Amino acid sequence: MKTRIVTSVAFAAIAAFSLSVYAQTPANILTVDMELAILAHPATATNRAELQDLQTKYRAERDELLNRGEELARQYREAVDRIRDEALSAKLRKEAEANAQDRAADIRALEHEVRSLVARRRASLRKRELDLFGSVMADLKVKLDAIAKSRGAAVVLDVSAERATAPVPLVPWSADSLDVTDLLIEAVGGSRADAESARARADSFLFGSPEEEEASAPAAGGR
């Protein structure tokens, strides 16, 4: 029978089922802390570093555009100040007004360019994050399938308790003898201690690539 990793989506049904099956055939159920196993996987730290490097690159691109916006804003303010000069001739005032309008249009275009860049880079970063996460999960699944089959298990329950998507354990209690988290971490060559440390620092379930700045890029320049 193919091993299944059950998450908190079916908590009520699985909890009732697990208690019933556990009482009859305890060897058919195992538990695992998938969050800890993911954090312990050697690729997770490498993946996080790659994503952080990408963020740094993307922010540099954004900041270059924002610097251009600041220069355009400075030019716009100068044009506006020139328009207010009472000593200015009608011809020069008209030129200053046209210049101010041009700079305002440039600023609006640049703001659109910044928003477009941020959206593209955020999408690119998220896709890469999910690709890396999928690779880690695929490796963990292969190792977990092997462990489950060696133990004769039909169901493996994920008891991760601190993920945003699973704020409570799937099962309220399980015997330590059923837990295969350490076996899974050992199978992928990870360190439980490092994973516990990462979880204590509140690293995210995925790779923790912060996107707050990308989600709300400032305007290219004030007017």
C-alpha atoms as a PDB file:
ATOM      1  CA  MET A   1       0.000   0.000   0.000  1.00  0.00           C
ATOM      2  CA  LYS A   2       1.373   3.432  -0.952  1.00  0.00           C
ATOM      3  CA  THR A   3       2.325   5.553   2.037  1.00  0.00           C
ATOM      4  CA  ARG A   4       0.343   8.776   2.526  1.00  0.00           C
ATOM      5  CA  ILE A   5       1.430  11.889   4.433  1.00  0.00           C
ATOM      6  CA  VAL A   6      -1.705  13.273   6.062  1.00  0.00           C
ATOM      7  CA  THR A   7      -1.938  16.990   6.940  1.00  0.00           C
ATOM      8  CA  SER A   8      -4.285  18.976   9.144  1.00  0.00           C
ATOM      9  CA  VAL A   9      -6.872  19.496   6.365  1.00  0.00           C
ATOM     10  CA  ALA A  10      -8.666  16.318   7.467  1.00  0.00           C
ATOM     11  CA  PHE A  11      -7.933  16.654  11.181  1.00  0.00           C
ATOM     12  CA  ALA A  12     -11.266  15.490  12.611  1.00  0.00           C
ATOM     13  CA  ALA A  13     -11.675  12.493  10.334  1.00  0.00           C
ATOM     14  CA  ILE A  14      -8.066  11.376  10.602  1.00  0.00           C
ATOM     15  CA  ALA A  15      -7.943  11.826  14.393  1.00  0.00           C
ATOM     16  CA  ALA A  16     -10.932   9.519  14.797  1.00  0.00           C
ATOM     17  CA  PHE A  17      -9.555   7.075  12.245  1.00  0.00           C
ATOM     18  CA  SER A  18      -6.078   7.062  13.751  1.00  0.00           C
ATOM     19  CA  LEU A  19      -7.344   6.294  17.254  1.00  0.00           C
ATOM     20  CA  SER A  20      -9.350   3.383  15.905  1.00  0.00           C
ATOM     21  CA  VAL A  21      -6.567   1.945  13.772  1.00  0.00           C
ATOM     22  CA  TYR A  22      -3.916   2.598  16.403  1.00  0.00           C
ATOM     23  CA  ALA A  23      -5.829   0.514  18.931  1.00  0.00           C
ATOM     24  CA  GLN A  24      -5.961  -2.397  16.495  1.00  0.00           C
ATOM     25  CA  THR A  25      -2.686  -2.264  14.531  1.00  0.00           C
ATOM     26  CA  PRO A  26      -0.212   0.213  16.061  1.00  0.00           C
ATOM     27  CA  ALA A  27       2.557  -0.884  13.693  1.00  0.00           C
ATOM     28  CA  ASN A  28       0.586   0.484  10.722  1.00  0.00           C
ATOM     29  CA  ILE A  29       0.838   4.120  11.826  1.00  0.00           C
ATOM     30  CA  LEU A  30       3.932   6.291  12.109  1.00  0.00           C
ATOM     31  CA  THR A  31       4.330   9.982  12.930  1.00  0.00           C
ATOM     32  CA  VAL A  32       6.807  12.514  11.586  1.00  0.00           C
ATOM     33  CA  ASP A  33       7.551  16.191  12.151  1.00  0.00           C
ATOM     34  CA  MET A  34       7.812  17.291   8.537  1.00  0.00           C
ATOM     35  CA  GLU A  35       8.591  20.900   9.397  1.00  0.00           C
ATOM     36  CA  LEU A  36      11.638  19.798  11.385  1.00  0.00           C
ATOM     37  CA  ALA A  37      12.684  17.391   8.638  1.00  0.00           C
ATOM     38  CA  ILE A  38      12.480  20.173   6.039  1.00  0.00           C
ATOM     39  CA  LEU A  39      14.532  22.546   8.182  1.00  0.00           C
ATOM     40  CA  ALA A  40      17.067  19.777   8.792  1.00  0.00           C
ATOM     41  CA  HIS A  41      17.470  18.943   5.110  1.00  0.00           C
ATOM     42  CA  PRO A  42      20.946  20.068   3.963  1.00  0.00           C
ATOM     43  CA  ALA A  43      19.496  21.760   0.870  1.00  0.00           C
ATOM     44  CA  THR A  44      17.240  24.059   2.892  1.00  0.00           C
ATOM     45  CA  ALA A  45      20.026  26.360   4.109  1.00  0.00           C
ATOM     46  CA  THR A  46      21.562  26.433   0.628  1.00  0.00           C
ATOM     47  CA  ASN A  47      18.182  27.227  -0.897  1.00  0.00           C
ATOM     48  CA  ARG A  48      17.574  30.037   1.563  1.00  0.00           C
ATOM     49  CA  ALA A  49      20.961  31.554   0.726  1.00  0.00           C
ATOM     50  CA  GLU A  50      20.186  31.386  -3.003  1.00  0.00           C
ATOM     51  CA  LEU A  51      16.840  33.114  -2.493  1.00  0.00           C
ATOM     52  CA  GLN A  52      18.413  35.812  -0.373  1.00  0.00           C
ATOM     53  CA  ASP A  53      21.009  36.442  -3.097  1.00  0.00           C
ATOM     54  CA  LEU A  54      18.200  36.767  -5.644  1.00  0.00           C
ATOM     55  CA  GLN A  55      16.428  39.235  -3.366  1.00  0.00           C
ATOM     56  CA  THR A  56      19.561  41.339  -3.083  1.00  0.00           C
ATOM     57  CA  LYS A  57      19.882  41.390  -6.873  1.00  0.00           C
ATOM     58  CA  TYR A  58      16.220  42.290  -7.368  1.00  0.00           C
ATOM     59  CA  ARG A  59      16.339  45.061  -4.767  1.00  0.00           C
ATOM     60  CA  ALA A  60      19.376  46.555  -6.497  1.00  0.00           C
ATOM     61  CA  GLU A  61      17.397  46.679  -9.751  1.00  0.00           C
ATOM     62  CA  ARG A  62      14.484  48.324  -7.989  1.00  0.00           C
ATOM     63  CA  ASP A  63      16.694  50.815  -6.173  1.00  0.00           C
ATOM     64  CA  GLU A  64      18.326  51.862  -9.445  1.00  0.00           C
ATOM     65  CA  LEU A  65      14.891  52.799 -10.773  1.00  0.00           C
ATOM     66  CA  LEU A  66      14.005  54.591  -7.545  1.00  0.00           C
ATOM     67  CA  ASN A  67      17.194  56.649  -7.771  1.00  0.00           C
ATOM     68  CA  ARG A  68      16.177  57.712 -11.253  1.00  0.00           C
ATOM     69  CA  GLY A  69      12.819  58.672  -9.803  1.00  0.00           C
ATOM     70  CA  GLU A  70      14.447  60.857  -7.176  1.00  0.00           C
ATOM     71  CA  GLU A  71      16.387  62.698  -9.874  1.00  0.00           C
ATOM     72  CA  LEU A  72      13.221  63.203 -11.919  1.00  0.00           C
ATOM     73  CA  ALA A  73      11.433  64.492  -8.827  1.00  0.00           C
ATOM     74  CA  ARG A  74      14.255  66.973  -8.217  1.00  0.00           C
ATOM     75  CA  GLN A  75      14.004  68.209 -11.790  1.00  0.00           C
ATOM     76  CA  TYR A  76      10.239  68.542 -11.451  1.00  0.00           C
ATOM     77  CA  ARG A  77      10.539  70.617  -8.274  1.00  0.00           C
ATOM     78  CA  GLU A  78      13.080  72.885  -9.928  1.00  0.00           C
ATOM     79  CA  ALA A  79      10.730  73.427 -12.872  1.00  0.00           C
ATOM     80  CA  VAL A  80       7.853  74.246 -10.527  1.00  0.00           C
ATOM     81  CA  ASP A  81      10.011  76.718  -8.578  1.00  0.00           C
ATOM     82  CA  ARG A  82      11.011  78.351 -11.868  1.00  0.00           C
ATOM     83  CA  ILE A  83       7.353  78.722 -12.871  1.00  0.00           C
ATOM     84  CA  ARG A  84       6.723  80.608  -9.617  1.00  0.00           C
ATOM     85  CA  ASP A  85       9.464  83.135 -10.395  1.00  0.00           C
ATOM     86  CA  GLU A  86       7.552  86.374 -10.990  1.00  0.00           C
ATOM     87  CA  ALA A  87      10.473  87.827 -12.925  1.00  0.00           C
ATOM     88  CA  LEU A  88      10.265  85.087 -15.527  1.00  0.00           C
ATOM     89  CA  SER A  89       9.190  86.096 -19.028  1.00  0.00           C
ATOM     90  CA  ALA A  90       6.046  84.572 -20.521  1.00  0.00           C
ATOM     91  CA  LYS A  91       8.106  82.528 -22.958  1.00  0.00           C
ATOM     92  CA  LEU A  92      10.416  81.109 -20.282  1.00  0.00           C
ATOM     93  CA  ARG A  93       7.449  80.429 -18.000  1.00  0.00           C
ATOM     94  CA  LYS A  94       5.787  78.441 -20.768  1.00  0.00           C
ATOM     95  CA  GLU A  95       8.985  76.458 -21.276  1.00  0.00           C
ATOM     96  CA  ALA A  96       9.191  75.787 -17.530  1.00  0.00           C
ATOM     97  CA  GLU A  97       5.576  74.596 -17.466  1.00  0.00           C
ATOM     98  CA  ALA A  98       6.218  72.245 -20.384  1.00  0.00           C
ATOM     99  CA  ASN A  99       9.348  70.973 -18.646  1.00  0.00           C
ATOM    100  CA  ALA A 100       7.410  70.339 -15.419  1.00  0.00           C
ATOM    101  CA  GLN A 101       4.701  68.464 -17.310  1.00  0.00           C
ATOM    102  CA  ASP A 102       7.308  66.334 -19.066  1.00  0.00           C
ATOM    103  CA  ARG A 103       9.015  65.470 -15.773  1.00  0.00           C
ATOM    104  CA  ALA A 104       5.656  64.616 -14.181  1.00  0.00           C
ATOM    105  CA  ALA A 105       4.902  62.269 -17.086  1.00  0.00           C
ATOM    106  CA  ASP A 106       8.358  60.702 -16.741  1.00  0.00           C
ATOM    107  CA  ILE A 107       7.753  60.125 -13.031  1.00  0.00           C
ATOM    108  CA  ARG A 108       4.395  58.457 -13.669  1.00  0.00           C
ATOM    109  CA  ALA A 109       5.954  56.201 -16.303  1.00  0.00           C
ATOM    110  CA  LEU A 110       8.793  55.294 -13.959  1.00  0.00           C
ATOM    111  CA  GLU A 111       6.403  54.492 -11.126  1.00  0.00           C
ATOM    112  CA  HIS A 112       4.619  52.100 -13.484  1.00  0.00           C
ATOM    113  CA  GLU A 113       7.978  50.569 -14.434  1.00  0.00           C
ATOM    114  CA  VAL A 114       8.863  50.071 -10.765  1.00  0.00           C
ATOM    115  CA  ARG A 115       5.549  48.368 -10.003  1.00  0.00           C
ATOM    116  CA  SER A 116       5.924  46.142 -13.057  1.00  0.00           C
ATOM    117  CA  LEU A 117       9.494  45.195 -12.131  1.00  0.00           C
ATOM    118  CA  VAL A 118       8.519  44.399  -8.548  1.00  0.00           C
ATOM    119  CA  ALA A 119       5.619  42.207  -9.682  1.00  0.00           C
ATOM    120  CA  ARG A 120       7.811  40.276 -12.127  1.00  0.00           C
ATOM    121  CA  ARG A 121      10.611  39.791  -9.627  1.00  0.00           C
ATOM    122  CA  ARG A 122       8.230  38.696  -6.878  1.00  0.00           C
ATOM    123  CA  ALA A 123       6.696  36.115  -9.218  1.00  0.00           C
ATOM    124  CA  SER A 124      10.150  34.912 -10.258  1.00  0.00           C
ATOM    125  CA  LEU A 125      11.313  34.656  -6.655  1.00  0.00           C
ATOM    126  CA  ARG A 126       8.207  32.770  -5.566  1.00  0.00           C
ATOM    127  CA  LYS A 127       8.503  30.336  -8.473  1.00  0.00           C
ATOM    128  CA  ARG A 128      12.124  29.626  -7.616  1.00  0.00           C
ATOM    129  CA  GLU A 129      11.200  29.223  -3.947  1.00  0.00           C
ATOM    130  CA  LEU A 130       8.489  26.697  -4.771  1.00  0.00           C
ATOM    131  CA  ASP A 131      10.794  24.825  -7.163  1.00  0.00           C
ATOM    132  CA  LEU A 132      13.439  24.504  -4.458  1.00  0.00           C
ATOM    133  CA  PHE A 133      10.859  23.526  -1.868  1.00  0.00           C
ATOM    134  CA  GLY A 134       9.431  20.896  -4.214  1.00  0.00           C
ATOM    135  CA  SER A 135      12.878  19.403  -4.689  1.00  0.00           C
ATOM    136  CA  VAL A 136      13.379  19.098  -0.932  1.00  0.00           C
ATOM    137  CA  MET A 137       9.932  17.576  -0.469  1.00  0.00           C
ATOM    138  CA  ALA A 138      10.526  15.072  -3.262  1.00  0.00           C
ATOM    139  CA  ASP A 139      13.728  13.890  -1.597  1.00  0.00           C
ATOM    140  CA  LEU A 140      12.059  13.673   1.804  1.00  0.00           C
ATOM    141  CA  LYS A 141       9.159  11.697   0.368  1.00  0.00           C
ATOM    142  CA  VAL A 142      11.459   9.104  -1.191  1.00  0.00           C
ATOM    143  CA  LYS A 143      13.263   8.636   2.114  1.00  0.00           C
ATOM    144  CA  LEU A 144      10.028   8.629   4.124  1.00  0.00           C
ATOM    145  CA  ASP A 145       8.446   6.051   1.817  1.00  0.00           C
ATOM    146  CA  ALA A 146      11.423   3.774   2.386  1.00  0.00           C
ATOM    147  CA  ILE A 147      11.212   4.207   6.163  1.00  0.00           C
ATOM    148  CA  ALA A 148       7.471   3.628   6.192  1.00  0.00           C
ATOM    149  CA  LYS A 149       7.744   0.486   4.092  1.00  0.00           C
ATOM    150  CA  SER A 150      10.528  -0.864   6.284  1.00  0.00           C
ATOM    151  CA  ARG A 151       8.238  -0.361   9.307  1.00  0.00           C
ATOM    152  CA  GLY A 152       5.197  -1.824   7.570  1.00  0.00           C
ATOM    153  CA  ALA A 153       3.283   1.456   7.866  1.00  0.00           C
ATOM    154  CA  ALA A 154       0.221   2.294   5.788  1.00  0.00           C
ATOM    155  CA  VAL A 155      -0.212   5.861   7.091  1.00  0.00           C
ATOM    156  CA  VAL A 156       2.266   8.502   8.239  1.00  0.00           C
ATOM    157  CA  LEU A 157       0.825  11.391  10.268  1.00  0.00           C
ATOM    158  CA  ASP A 158       2.503  14.805  10.106  1.00  0.00           C
ATOM    159  CA  VAL A 159       2.560  16.160  13.663  1.00  0.00           C
ATOM    160  CA  SER A 160       4.201  19.508  12.894  1.00  0.00           C
ATOM    161  CA  ALA A 161       2.714  21.913  15.420  1.00  0.00           C
ATOM    162  CA  GLU A 162       4.164  25.342  14.656  1.00  0.00           C
ATOM    163  CA  ARG A 163       3.567  25.938  10.967  1.00  0.00           C
ATOM    164  CA  ALA A 164       1.187  28.705  10.007  1.00  0.00           C
ATOM    165  CA  THR A 165      -0.777  26.141   8.014  1.00  0.00           C
ATOM    166  CA  ALA A 166      -0.910  23.706  10.922  1.00  0.00           C
ATOM    167  CA  PRO A 167      -1.060  25.685  14.199  1.00  0.00           C
ATOM    168  CA  VAL A 168      -2.132  22.636  16.204  1.00  0.00           C
ATOM    169  CA  PRO A 169      -0.825  19.066  16.095  1.00  0.00           C
ATOM    170  CA  LEU A 170      -2.720  16.678  13.865  1.00  0.00           C
ATOM    171  CA  VAL A 171      -2.972  14.165  16.671  1.00  0.00           C
ATOM    172  CA  PRO A 172      -3.095  15.143  20.365  1.00  0.00           C
ATOM    173  CA  TRP A 173      -0.851  12.293  21.439  1.00  0.00           C
ATOM    174  CA  SER A 174       1.432   9.709  19.901  1.00  0.00           C
ATOM    175  CA  ALA A 175       3.942   7.264  21.288  1.00  0.00           C
ATOM    176  CA  ASP A 176       7.587   8.229  20.805  1.00  0.00           C
ATOM    177  CA  SER A 177       8.207   4.773  19.392  1.00  0.00           C
ATOM    178  CA  LEU A 178       6.025   5.649  16.401  1.00  0.00           C
ATOM    179  CA  ASP A 179       7.920   8.812  15.481  1.00  0.00           C
ATOM    180  CA  VAL A 180      10.361   8.501  12.578  1.00  0.00           C
ATOM    181  CA  THR A 181      11.459  12.151  12.349  1.00  0.00           C
ATOM    182  CA  ASP A 182      15.030  11.382  13.413  1.00  0.00           C
ATOM    183  CA  LEU A 183      15.221   8.504  10.943  1.00  0.00           C
ATOM    184  CA  LEU A 184      14.066  10.797   8.145  1.00  0.00           C
ATOM    185  CA  ILE A 185      16.535  13.529   9.105  1.00  0.00           C
ATOM    186  CA  GLU A 186      19.320  10.955   9.229  1.00  0.00           C
ATOM    187  CA  ALA A 187      18.256   9.564   5.839  1.00  0.00           C
ATOM    188  CA  VAL A 188      18.696  12.972   4.148  1.00  0.00           C
ATOM    189  CA  GLY A 189      21.931  13.705   5.996  1.00  0.00           C
ATOM    190  CA  GLY A 190      20.515  16.547   8.069  1.00  0.00           C
ATOM    191  CA  SER A 191      21.003  17.754  11.639  1.00  0.00           C
ATOM    192  CA  ARG A 192      18.140  17.772  14.128  1.00  0.00           C
ATOM    193  CA  ALA A 193      19.998  20.279  16.316  1.00  0.00           C
ATOM    194  CA  ASP A 194      20.377  22.724  13.424  1.00  0.00           C
ATOM    195  CA  ALA A 195      16.727  22.272  12.522  1.00  0.00           C
ATOM    196  CA  GLU A 196      15.608  22.897  16.101  1.00  0.00           C
ATOM    197  CA  SER A 197      17.743  26.046  16.130  1.00  0.00           C
ATOM    198  CA  ALA A 198      16.180  27.222  12.860  1.00  0.00           C
ATOM    199  CA  ARG A 199      12.696  26.615  14.220  1.00  0.00           C
ATOM    200  CA  ALA A 200      13.546  28.490  17.422  1.00  0.00           C
ATOM    201  CA  ARG A 201      14.532  31.474  15.252  1.00  0.00           C
ATOM    202  CA  ALA A 202      11.074  31.257  13.707  1.00  0.00           C
ATOM    203  CA  ASP A 203      12.375  30.500  10.227  1.00  0.00           C
ATOM    204  CA  SER A 204       9.461  29.955   7.885  1.00  0.00           C
ATOM    205  CA  PHE A 205       8.108  26.598   6.772  1.00  0.00           C
ATOM    206  CA  LEU A 206       9.494  27.278   3.326  1.00  0.00           C
ATOM    207  CA  PHE A 207      12.754  29.145   2.974  1.00  0.00           C
ATOM    208  CA  GLY A 208      11.901  32.407   4.629  1.00  0.00           C
ATOM    209  CA  SER A 209      12.478  34.748   1.700  1.00  0.00           C
ATOM    210  CA  PRO A 210      11.050  38.054   2.978  1.00  0.00           C
ATOM    211  CA  GLU A 211       9.005  39.913   0.372  1.00  0.00           C
ATOM    212  CA  GLU A 212       7.690  42.839   2.384  1.00  0.00           C
ATOM    213  CA  GLU A 213       9.785  45.392   0.514  1.00  0.00           C
ATOM    214  CA  GLU A 214       8.909  43.889  -2.864  1.00  0.00           C
ATOM    215  CA  ALA A 215       5.221  43.817  -1.903  1.00  0.00           C
ATOM    216  CA  SER A 216       5.080  47.538  -1.260  1.00  0.00           C
ATOM    217  CA  ALA A 217       7.697  49.331  -3.330  1.00  0.00           C
ATOM    218  CA  PRO A 218       7.760  53.090  -2.700  1.00  0.00           C
ATOM    219  CA  ALA A 219       6.845  55.547  -5.401  1.00  0.00           C
ATOM    220  CA  ALA A 220       9.545  56.638  -7.793  1.00  0.00           C
ATOM    221  CA  GLY A 221       9.481  60.193  -6.542  1.00  0.00           C
ATOM    222  CA  GLY A 222       7.322  62.710  -4.728  1.00  0.00           C
ATOM    223  CA  ARG A 223       5.677  65.606  -6.480  1.00  0.00           C
END
